[in-house]
Amino acid sequence: MSQHASQRASERDITEAQIRTIINNPIETVYDSDSDNYKSYGLATHPSTQNDAYLMVVHSKFNTEVLIITAMWTTAGGLRTNGFKI
């Protein structure tokens, strides 16, 4: 995981286990040709509400060794803005 990703995940109360789950079993993954990276999302338990929430992970590769670039909580609208078909 990049230093940026570690810092952002910590700030956003996102665990490494949650990131691993999204990478290994995403609901959807899209390729962002502008940034030359992938974005995957899934559901994870948000720490402040204890409810399922969308978690998006930006990463460098797909189906191989992965460098996590960042991770963030988002909404359905945020997922659509990032190219997902939700």
PDB file of N, CA and C in Angstrom:
ATOM      1  N   MET A   1       0.867  -1.161   0.000  1.00  0.00           N
ATOM      2  CA  MET A   1       0.000   0.000   0.000  1.00  0.00           C
ATOM      3  C   MET A   1       0.915   1.225   0.000  1.00  0.00           C
ATOM      4  N   SER A   2       0.572   2.214  -0.814  1.00  0.00           N
ATOM      5  CA  SER A   2       1.380   3.431  -0.873  1.00  0.00           C
ATOM      6  C   SER A   2       1.262   4.201   0.440  1.00  0.00           C
ATOM      7  N   GLN A   3       2.222   5.093   0.689  1.00  0.00           N
ATOM      8  CA  GLN A   3       2.171   5.929   1.889  1.00  0.00           C
ATOM      9  C   GLN A   3       0.908   6.786   1.877  1.00  0.00           C
ATOM     10  N   HIS A   4       0.553   7.323   0.696  1.00  0.00           N
ATOM     11  CA  HIS A   4      -0.668   8.121   0.558  1.00  0.00           C
ATOM     12  C   HIS A   4      -1.889   7.290   0.955  1.00  0.00           C
ATOM     13  N   ALA A   5      -1.969   6.065   0.447  1.00  0.00           N
ATOM     14  CA  ALA A   5      -3.117   5.199   0.748  1.00  0.00           C
ATOM     15  C   ALA A   5      -3.185   4.882   2.233  1.00  0.00           C
ATOM     16  N   SER A   6      -2.054   4.585   2.838  1.00  0.00           N
ATOM     17  CA  SER A   6      -2.037   4.293   4.275  1.00  0.00           C
ATOM     18  C   SER A   6      -2.524   5.485   5.085  1.00  0.00           C
ATOM     19  N   GLN A   7      -2.050   6.667   4.720  1.00  0.00           N
ATOM     20  CA  GLN A   7      -2.449   7.873   5.433  1.00  0.00           C
ATOM     21  C   GLN A   7      -3.933   8.145   5.258  1.00  0.00           C
ATOM     22  N   ARG A   8      -4.420   8.088   4.018  1.00  0.00           N
ATOM     23  CA  ARG A   8      -5.835   8.359   3.755  1.00  0.00           C
ATOM     24  C   ARG A   8      -6.734   7.322   4.425  1.00  0.00           C
ATOM     25  N   ALA A   9      -6.351   6.053   4.364  1.00  0.00           N
ATOM     26  CA  ALA A   9      -7.154   5.006   4.991  1.00  0.00           C
ATOM     27  C   ALA A   9      -7.240   5.254   6.498  1.00  0.00           C
ATOM     28  N   SER A  10      -6.140   5.603   7.104  1.00  0.00           N
ATOM     29  CA  SER A  10      -6.134   5.895   8.537  1.00  0.00           C
ATOM     30  C   SER A  10      -7.037   7.083   8.863  1.00  0.00           C
ATOM     31  N   GLU A  11      -6.930   8.149   8.081  1.00  0.00           N
ATOM     32  CA  GLU A  11      -7.760   9.340   8.290  1.00  0.00           C
ATOM     33  C   GLU A  11      -9.243   9.035   8.125  1.00  0.00           C
ATOM     34  N   ARG A  12      -9.552   8.082   7.253  1.00  0.00           N
ATOM     35  CA  ARG A  12     -10.945   7.777   6.907  1.00  0.00           C
ATOM     36  C   ARG A  12     -11.477   6.549   7.640  1.00  0.00           C
ATOM     37  N   ASP A  13     -10.718   6.048   8.608  1.00  0.00           N
ATOM     38  CA  ASP A  13     -11.113   4.862   9.375  1.00  0.00           C
ATOM     39  C   ASP A  13     -11.434   3.675   8.476  1.00  0.00           C
ATOM     40  N   ILE A  14     -10.572   3.444   7.497  1.00  0.00           N
ATOM     41  CA  ILE A  14     -10.707   2.303   6.593  1.00  0.00           C
ATOM     42  C   ILE A  14      -9.596   1.327   6.941  1.00  0.00           C
ATOM     43  N   THR A  15      -9.954   0.067   7.171  1.00  0.00           N
ATOM     44  CA  THR A  15      -8.953  -0.921   7.556  1.00  0.00           C
ATOM     45  C   THR A  15      -8.332  -1.585   6.327  1.00  0.00           C
ATOM     46  N   GLU A  16      -7.154  -2.139   6.539  1.00  0.00           N
ATOM     47  CA  GLU A  16      -6.496  -2.881   5.467  1.00  0.00           C
ATOM     48  C   GLU A  16      -7.339  -4.092   5.060  1.00  0.00           C
ATOM     49  N   ALA A  17      -7.999  -4.696   6.032  1.00  0.00           N
ATOM     50  CA  ALA A  17      -8.869  -5.849   5.739  1.00  0.00           C
ATOM     51  C   ALA A  17     -10.026  -5.437   4.832  1.00  0.00           C
ATOM     52  N   GLN A  18     -10.612  -4.270   5.073  1.00  0.00           N
ATOM     53  CA  GLN A  18     -11.696  -3.789   4.210  1.00  0.00           C
ATOM     54  C   GLN A  18     -11.179  -3.560   2.780  1.00  0.00           C
ATOM     55  N   ILE A  19     -10.007  -2.973   2.662  1.00  0.00           N
ATOM     56  CA  ILE A  19      -9.422  -2.730   1.340  1.00  0.00           C
ATOM     57  C   ILE A  19      -9.176  -4.055   0.633  1.00  0.00           C
ATOM     58  N   ARG A  20      -8.608  -5.024   1.346  1.00  0.00           N
ATOM     59  CA  ARG A  20      -8.346  -6.338   0.751  1.00  0.00           C
ATOM     60  C   ARG A  20      -9.633  -6.991   0.263  1.00  0.00           C
ATOM     61  N   THR A  21     -10.693  -6.869   1.058  1.00  0.00           N
ATOM     62  CA  THR A  21     -11.979  -7.458   0.675  1.00  0.00           C
ATOM     63  C   THR A  21     -12.494  -6.831  -0.616  1.00  0.00           C
ATOM     64  N   ILE A  22     -12.412  -5.517  -0.729  1.00  0.00           N
ATOM     65  CA  ILE A  22     -12.893  -4.835  -1.939  1.00  0.00           C
ATOM     66  C   ILE A  22     -12.058  -5.249  -3.151  1.00  0.00           C
ATOM     67  N   ILE A  23     -10.741  -5.309  -2.997  1.00  0.00           N
ATOM     68  CA  ILE A  23      -9.865  -5.693  -4.106  1.00  0.00           C
ATOM     69  C   ILE A  23     -10.138  -7.133  -4.556  1.00  0.00           C
ATOM     70  N   ASN A  24     -10.329  -8.032  -3.597  1.00  0.00           N
ATOM     71  CA  ASN A  24     -10.514  -9.448  -3.928  1.00  0.00           C
ATOM     72  C   ASN A  24     -11.926  -9.800  -4.374  1.00  0.00           C
ATOM     73  N   ASN A  25     -12.932  -9.029  -3.940  1.00  0.00           N
ATOM     74  CA  ASN A  25     -14.328  -9.331  -4.278  1.00  0.00           C
ATOM     75  C   ASN A  25     -15.108  -8.051  -4.546  1.00  0.00           C
ATOM     76  N   PRO A  26     -14.716  -7.284  -5.564  1.00  0.00           N
ATOM     77  CA  PRO A  26     -15.437  -6.030  -5.824  1.00  0.00           C
ATOM     78  C   PRO A  26     -16.814  -6.288  -6.412  1.00  0.00           C
ATOM     79  N   ILE A  27     -17.698  -5.337  -6.200  1.00  0.00           N
ATOM     80  CA  ILE A  27     -18.976  -5.368  -6.906  1.00  0.00           C
ATOM     81  C   ILE A  27     -18.721  -5.017  -8.366  1.00  0.00           C
ATOM     82  N   GLU A  28     -17.839  -4.059  -8.578  1.00  0.00           N
ATOM     83  CA  GLU A  28     -17.485  -3.647  -9.938  1.00  0.00           C
ATOM     84  C   GLU A  28     -16.093  -3.035  -9.927  1.00  0.00           C
ATOM     85  N   THR A  29     -15.373  -3.201 -11.018  1.00  0.00           N
ATOM     86  CA  THR A  29     -14.069  -2.569 -11.225  1.00  0.00           C
ATOM     87  C   THR A  29     -14.088  -1.895 -12.578  1.00  0.00           C
ATOM     88  N   VAL A  30     -13.590  -0.659 -12.631  1.00  0.00           N
ATOM     89  CA  VAL A  30     -13.484   0.063 -13.895  1.00  0.00           C
ATOM     90  C   VAL A  30     -12.054   0.546 -14.077  1.00  0.00           C
ATOM     91  N   TYR A  31     -11.663   0.685 -15.339  1.00  0.00           N
ATOM     92  CA  TYR A  31     -10.347   1.213 -15.673  1.00  0.00           C
ATOM     93  C   TYR A  31     -10.487   2.697 -15.966  1.00  0.00           C
ATOM     94  N   ASP A  32      -9.645   3.518 -15.364  1.00  0.00           N
ATOM     95  CA  ASP A  32      -9.621   4.964 -15.592  1.00  0.00           C
ATOM     96  C   ASP A  32      -8.435   5.271 -16.491  1.00  0.00           C
ATOM     97  N   SER A  33      -8.693   5.437 -17.778  1.00  0.00           N
ATOM     98  CA  SER A  33      -7.610   5.651 -18.736  1.00  0.00           C
ATOM     99  C   SER A  33      -6.913   6.996 -18.533  1.00  0.00           C
ATOM    100  N   ASP A  34      -7.621   7.995 -17.999  1.00  0.00           N
ATOM    101  CA  ASP A  34      -6.994   9.293 -17.734  1.00  0.00           C
ATOM    102  C   ASP A  34      -5.902   9.183 -16.679  1.00  0.00           C
ATOM    103  N   SER A  35      -6.140   8.375 -15.667  1.00  0.00           N
ATOM    104  CA  SER A  35      -5.174   8.218 -14.577  1.00  0.00           C
ATOM    105  C   SER A  35      -4.356   6.934 -14.691  1.00  0.00           C
ATOM    106  N   ASP A  36      -4.688   6.079 -15.658  1.00  0.00           N
ATOM    107  CA  ASP A  36      -4.037   4.793 -15.859  1.00  0.00           C
ATOM    108  C   ASP A  36      -4.051   3.962 -14.572  1.00  0.00           C
ATOM    109  N   ASN A  37      -5.251   3.859 -13.968  1.00  0.00           N
ATOM    110  CA  ASN A  37      -5.408   3.018 -12.791  1.00  0.00           C
ATOM    111  C   ASN A  37      -6.802   2.411 -12.795  1.00  0.00           C
ATOM    112  N   TYR A  38      -7.044   1.583 -11.820  1.00  0.00           N
ATOM    113  CA  TYR A  38      -8.333   0.914 -11.682  1.00  0.00           C
ATOM    114  C   TYR A  38      -9.041   1.439 -10.442  1.00  0.00           C
ATOM    115  N   LYS A  39     -10.370   1.366 -10.462  1.00  0.00           N
ATOM    116  CA  LYS A  39     -11.190   1.728  -9.312  1.00  0.00           C
ATOM    117  C   LYS A  39     -12.154   0.579  -9.070  1.00  0.00           C
ATOM    118  N   SER A  40     -12.170   0.098  -7.844  1.00  0.00           N
ATOM    119  CA  SER A  40     -13.074  -0.981  -7.466  1.00  0.00           C
ATOM    120  C   SER A  40     -13.911  -0.512  -6.286  1.00  0.00           C
ATOM    121  N   TYR A  41     -15.141  -1.007  -6.215  1.00  0.00           N
ATOM    122  CA  TYR A  41     -15.956  -0.664  -5.054  1.00  0.00           C
ATOM    123  C   TYR A  41     -16.710  -1.882  -4.552  1.00  0.00           C
ATOM    124  N   GLY A  42     -17.115  -1.778  -3.310  1.00  0.00           N
ATOM    125  CA  GLY A  42     -17.917  -2.802  -2.671  1.00  0.00           C
ATOM    126  C   GLY A  42     -18.558  -2.215  -1.439  1.00  0.00           C
ATOM    127  N   LEU A  43     -19.219  -3.049  -0.673  1.00  0.00           N
ATOM    128  CA  LEU A  43     -19.846  -2.619   0.581  1.00  0.00           C
ATOM    129  C   LEU A  43     -18.966  -3.020   1.760  1.00  0.00           C
ATOM    130  N   ALA A  44     -18.859  -2.119   2.721  1.00  0.00           N
ATOM    131  CA  ALA A  44     -18.115  -2.377   3.952  1.00  0.00           C
ATOM    132  C   ALA A  44     -18.822  -1.653   5.093  1.00  0.00           C
ATOM    133  N   THR A  45     -18.585  -2.079   6.291  1.00  0.00           N
ATOM    134  CA  THR A  45     -19.200  -1.443   7.453  1.00  0.00           C
ATOM    135  C   THR A  45     -18.500  -0.126   7.753  1.00  0.00           C
ATOM    136  N   HIS A  46     -19.255   0.973   7.683  1.00  0.00           N
ATOM    137  CA  HIS A  46     -18.699   2.296   7.980  1.00  0.00           C
ATOM    138  C   HIS A  46     -18.535   2.417   9.488  1.00  0.00           C
ATOM    139  N   PRO A  47     -17.370   2.865   9.963  1.00  0.00           N
ATOM    140  CA  PRO A  47     -17.111   2.859  11.411  1.00  0.00           C
ATOM    141  C   PRO A  47     -18.002   3.794  12.229  1.00  0.00           C
ATOM    142  N   SER A  48     -18.426   4.900  11.673  1.00  0.00           N
ATOM    143  CA  SER A  48     -19.214   5.842  12.475  1.00  0.00           C
ATOM    144  C   SER A  48     -20.698   5.494  12.527  1.00  0.00           C
ATOM    145  N   THR A  49     -21.223   4.823  11.504  1.00  0.00           N
ATOM    146  CA  THR A  49     -22.648   4.495  11.487  1.00  0.00           C
ATOM    147  C   THR A  49     -22.923   3.023  11.758  1.00  0.00           C
ATOM    148  N   GLN A  50     -21.899   2.177  11.592  1.00  0.00           N
ATOM    149  CA  GLN A  50     -22.027   0.724  11.705  1.00  0.00           C
ATOM    150  C   GLN A  50     -22.993   0.152  10.666  1.00  0.00           C
ATOM    151  N   ASN A  51     -23.247   0.914   9.599  1.00  0.00           N
ATOM    152  CA  ASN A  51     -24.081   0.462   8.488  1.00  0.00           C
ATOM    153  C   ASN A  51     -23.200   0.175   7.285  1.00  0.00           C
ATOM    154  N   ASP A  52     -23.707  -0.638   6.369  1.00  0.00           N
ATOM    155  CA  ASP A  52     -22.982  -0.864   5.125  1.00  0.00           C
ATOM    156  C   ASP A  52     -22.913   0.432   4.338  1.00  0.00           C
ATOM    157  N   ALA A  53     -21.748   0.696   3.773  1.00  0.00           N
ATOM    158  CA  ALA A  53     -21.529   1.888   2.960  1.00  0.00           C
ATOM    159  C   ALA A  53     -20.636   1.505   1.796  1.00  0.00           C
ATOM    160  N   TYR A  54     -20.673   2.313   0.739  1.00  0.00           N
ATOM    161  CA  TYR A  54     -19.821   2.063  -0.416  1.00  0.00           C
ATOM    162  C   TYR A  54     -18.395   2.467  -0.089  1.00  0.00           C
ATOM    163  N   LEU A  55     -17.466   1.576  -0.393  1.00  0.00           N
ATOM    164  CA  LEU A  55     -16.047   1.851  -0.226  1.00  0.00           C
ATOM    165  C   LEU A  55     -15.386   1.692  -1.584  1.00  0.00           C
ATOM    166  N   MET A  56     -14.733   2.747  -2.057  1.00  0.00           N
ATOM    167  CA  MET A  56     -14.040   2.713  -3.345  1.00  0.00           C
ATOM    168  C   MET A  56     -12.543   2.681  -3.088  1.00  0.00           C
ATOM    169  N   VAL A  57     -11.847   1.815  -3.829  1.00  0.00           N
ATOM    170  CA  VAL A  57     -10.401   1.681  -3.711  1.00  0.00           C
ATOM    171  C   VAL A  57      -9.802   1.932  -5.086  1.00  0.00           C
ATOM    172  N   VAL A  58      -8.844   2.828  -5.147  1.00  0.00           N
ATOM    173  CA  VAL A  58      -8.117   3.117  -6.387  1.00  0.00           C
ATOM    174  C   VAL A  58      -6.819   2.338  -6.328  1.00  0.00           C
ATOM    175  N   HIS A  59      -6.527   1.581  -7.391  1.00  0.00           N
ATOM    176  CA  HIS A  59      -5.335   0.732  -7.374  1.00  0.00           C
ATOM    177  C   HIS A  59      -4.703   0.658  -8.748  1.00  0.00           C
ATOM    178  N   SER A  60      -3.470   0.134  -8.789  1.00  0.00           N
ATOM    179  CA  SER A  60      -2.668   0.191 -10.007  1.00  0.00           C
ATOM    180  C   SER A  60      -2.896  -0.960 -10.961  1.00  0.00           C
ATOM    181  N   LYS A  61      -3.274  -2.111 -10.456  1.00  0.00           N
ATOM    182  CA  LYS A  61      -3.399  -3.282 -11.322  1.00  0.00           C
ATOM    183  C   LYS A  61      -4.630  -4.072 -10.949  1.00  0.00           C
ATOM    184  N   PHE A  62      -4.939  -5.035 -11.787  1.00  0.00           N
ATOM    185  CA  PHE A  62      -6.120  -5.865 -11.571  1.00  0.00           C
ATOM    186  C   PHE A  62      -5.727  -7.323 -11.807  1.00  0.00           C
ATOM    187  N   ASN A  63      -6.148  -8.215 -10.935  1.00  0.00           N
ATOM    188  CA  ASN A  63      -5.862  -9.657 -11.029  1.00  0.00           C
ATOM    189  C   ASN A  63      -4.381  -9.982 -10.971  1.00  0.00           C
ATOM    190  N   THR A  64      -3.629  -9.233 -10.207  1.00  0.00           N
ATOM    191  CA  THR A  64      -2.203  -9.481 -10.021  1.00  0.00           C
ATOM    192  C   THR A  64      -1.774  -8.777  -8.745  1.00  0.00           C
ATOM    193  N   GLU A  65      -0.489  -8.631  -8.521  1.00  0.00           N
ATOM    194  CA  GLU A  65      -0.036  -7.865  -7.361  1.00  0.00           C
ATOM    195  C   GLU A  65      -0.533  -6.437  -7.496  1.00  0.00           C
ATOM    196  N   VAL A  66      -1.052  -5.896  -6.422  1.00  0.00           N
ATOM    197  CA  VAL A  66      -1.758  -4.615  -6.480  1.00  0.00           C
ATOM    198  C   VAL A  66      -1.083  -3.591  -5.580  1.00  0.00           C
ATOM    199  N   LEU A  67      -0.897  -2.379  -6.097  1.00  0.00           N
ATOM    200  CA  LEU A  67      -0.472  -1.244  -5.285  1.00  0.00           C
ATOM    201  C   LEU A  67      -1.709  -0.404  -5.021  1.00  0.00           C
ATOM    202  N   ILE A  68      -2.092  -0.256  -3.768  1.00  0.00           N
ATOM    203  CA  ILE A  68      -3.250   0.558  -3.409  1.00  0.00           C
ATOM    204  C   ILE A  68      -2.818   2.015  -3.461  1.00  0.00           C
ATOM    205  N   ILE A  69      -3.557   2.832  -4.197  1.00  0.00           N
ATOM    206  CA  ILE A  69      -3.247   4.245  -4.343  1.00  0.00           C
ATOM    207  C   ILE A  69      -4.011   5.060  -3.306  1.00  0.00           C
ATOM    208  N   THR A  70      -5.298   4.801  -3.144  1.00  0.00           N
ATOM    209  CA  THR A  70      -6.099   5.470  -2.122  1.00  0.00           C
ATOM    210  C   THR A  70      -7.388   4.691  -1.922  1.00  0.00           C
ATOM    211  N   ALA A  71      -8.123   5.050  -0.885  1.00  0.00           N
ATOM    212  CA  ALA A  71      -9.424   4.434  -0.595  1.00  0.00           C
ATOM    213  C   ALA A  71     -10.295   5.493   0.041  1.00  0.00           C
ATOM    214  N   MET A  72     -11.602   5.439  -0.240  1.00  0.00           N
ATOM    215  CA  MET A  72     -12.504   6.454   0.314  1.00  0.00           C
ATOM    216  C   MET A  72     -13.922   5.933   0.406  1.00  0.00           C
ATOM    217  N   TRP A  73     -14.667   6.444   1.388  1.00  0.00           N
ATOM    218  CA  TRP A  73     -16.103   6.183   1.484  1.00  0.00           C
ATOM    219  C   TRP A  73     -16.776   7.076   0.456  1.00  0.00           C
ATOM    220  N   THR A  74     -17.846   6.595  -0.157  1.00  0.00           N
ATOM    221  CA  THR A  74     -18.525   7.382  -1.182  1.00  0.00           C
ATOM    222  C   THR A  74     -20.003   7.035  -1.207  1.00  0.00           C
ATOM    223  N   THR A  75     -20.726   7.680  -2.101  1.00  0.00           N
ATOM    224  CA  THR A  75     -22.157   7.453  -2.278  1.00  0.00           C
ATOM    225  C   THR A  75     -22.390   6.848  -3.655  1.00  0.00           C
ATOM    226  N   ALA A  76     -23.641   6.461  -3.932  1.00  0.00           N
ATOM    227  CA  ALA A  76     -23.969   5.952  -5.263  1.00  0.00           C
ATOM    228  C   ALA A  76     -23.662   7.011  -6.318  1.00  0.00           C
ATOM    229  N   GLY A  77     -23.966   8.277  -6.031  1.00  0.00           N
ATOM    230  CA  GLY A  77     -23.661   9.358  -6.971  1.00  0.00           C
ATOM    231  C   GLY A  77     -22.166   9.498  -7.198  1.00  0.00           C
ATOM    232  N   GLY A  78     -21.390   9.359  -6.151  1.00  0.00           N
ATOM    233  CA  GLY A  78     -19.937   9.410  -6.282  1.00  0.00           C
ATOM    234  C   GLY A  78     -19.405   8.260  -7.104  1.00  0.00           C
ATOM    235  N   LEU A  79     -20.017   7.082  -6.956  1.00  0.00           N
ATOM    236  CA  LEU A  79     -19.606   5.946  -7.774  1.00  0.00           C
ATOM    237  C   LEU A  79     -19.898   6.206  -9.249  1.00  0.00           C
ATOM    238  N   ARG A  80     -21.083   6.730  -9.541  1.00  0.00           N
ATOM    239  CA  ARG A  80     -21.426   7.038 -10.937  1.00  0.00           C
ATOM    240  C   ARG A  80     -20.458   8.071 -11.519  1.00  0.00           C
ATOM    241  N   THR A  81     -20.087   9.074 -10.730  1.00  0.00           N
ATOM    242  CA  THR A  81     -19.135  10.099 -11.181  1.00  0.00           C
ATOM    243  C   THR A  81     -17.792   9.468 -11.533  1.00  0.00           C
ATOM    244  N   ASN A  82     -17.453   8.368 -10.878  1.00  0.00           N
ATOM    245  CA  ASN A  82     -16.191   7.702 -11.121  1.00  0.00           C
ATOM    246  C   ASN A  82     -16.288   6.594 -12.161  1.00  0.00           C
ATOM    247  N   GLY A  83     -17.400   6.516 -12.881  1.00  0.00           N
ATOM    248  CA  GLY A  83     -17.519   5.607 -14.007  1.00  0.00           C
ATOM    249  C   GLY A  83     -18.173   4.272 -13.734  1.00  0.00           C
ATOM    250  N   PHE A  84     -18.687   4.078 -12.513  1.00  0.00           N
ATOM    251  CA  PHE A  84     -19.358   2.810 -12.205  1.00  0.00           C
ATOM    252  C   PHE A  84     -20.796   2.847 -12.708  1.00  0.00           C
ATOM    253  N   LYS A  85     -21.351   1.661 -12.963  1.00  0.00           N
ATOM    254  CA  LYS A  85     -22.696   1.547 -13.527  1.00  0.00           C
ATOM    255  C   LYS A  85     -23.745   1.289 -12.457  1.00  0.00           C
ATOM    256  N   ILE A  86     -23.570   1.774 -11.288  1.00  0.00           N
ATOM    257  CA  ILE A  86     -24.487   1.518 -10.194  1.00  0.00           C
ATOM    258  C   ILE A  86     -25.832   2.195 -10.436  1.00  0.00           C
TER     259      ILE A  86
END
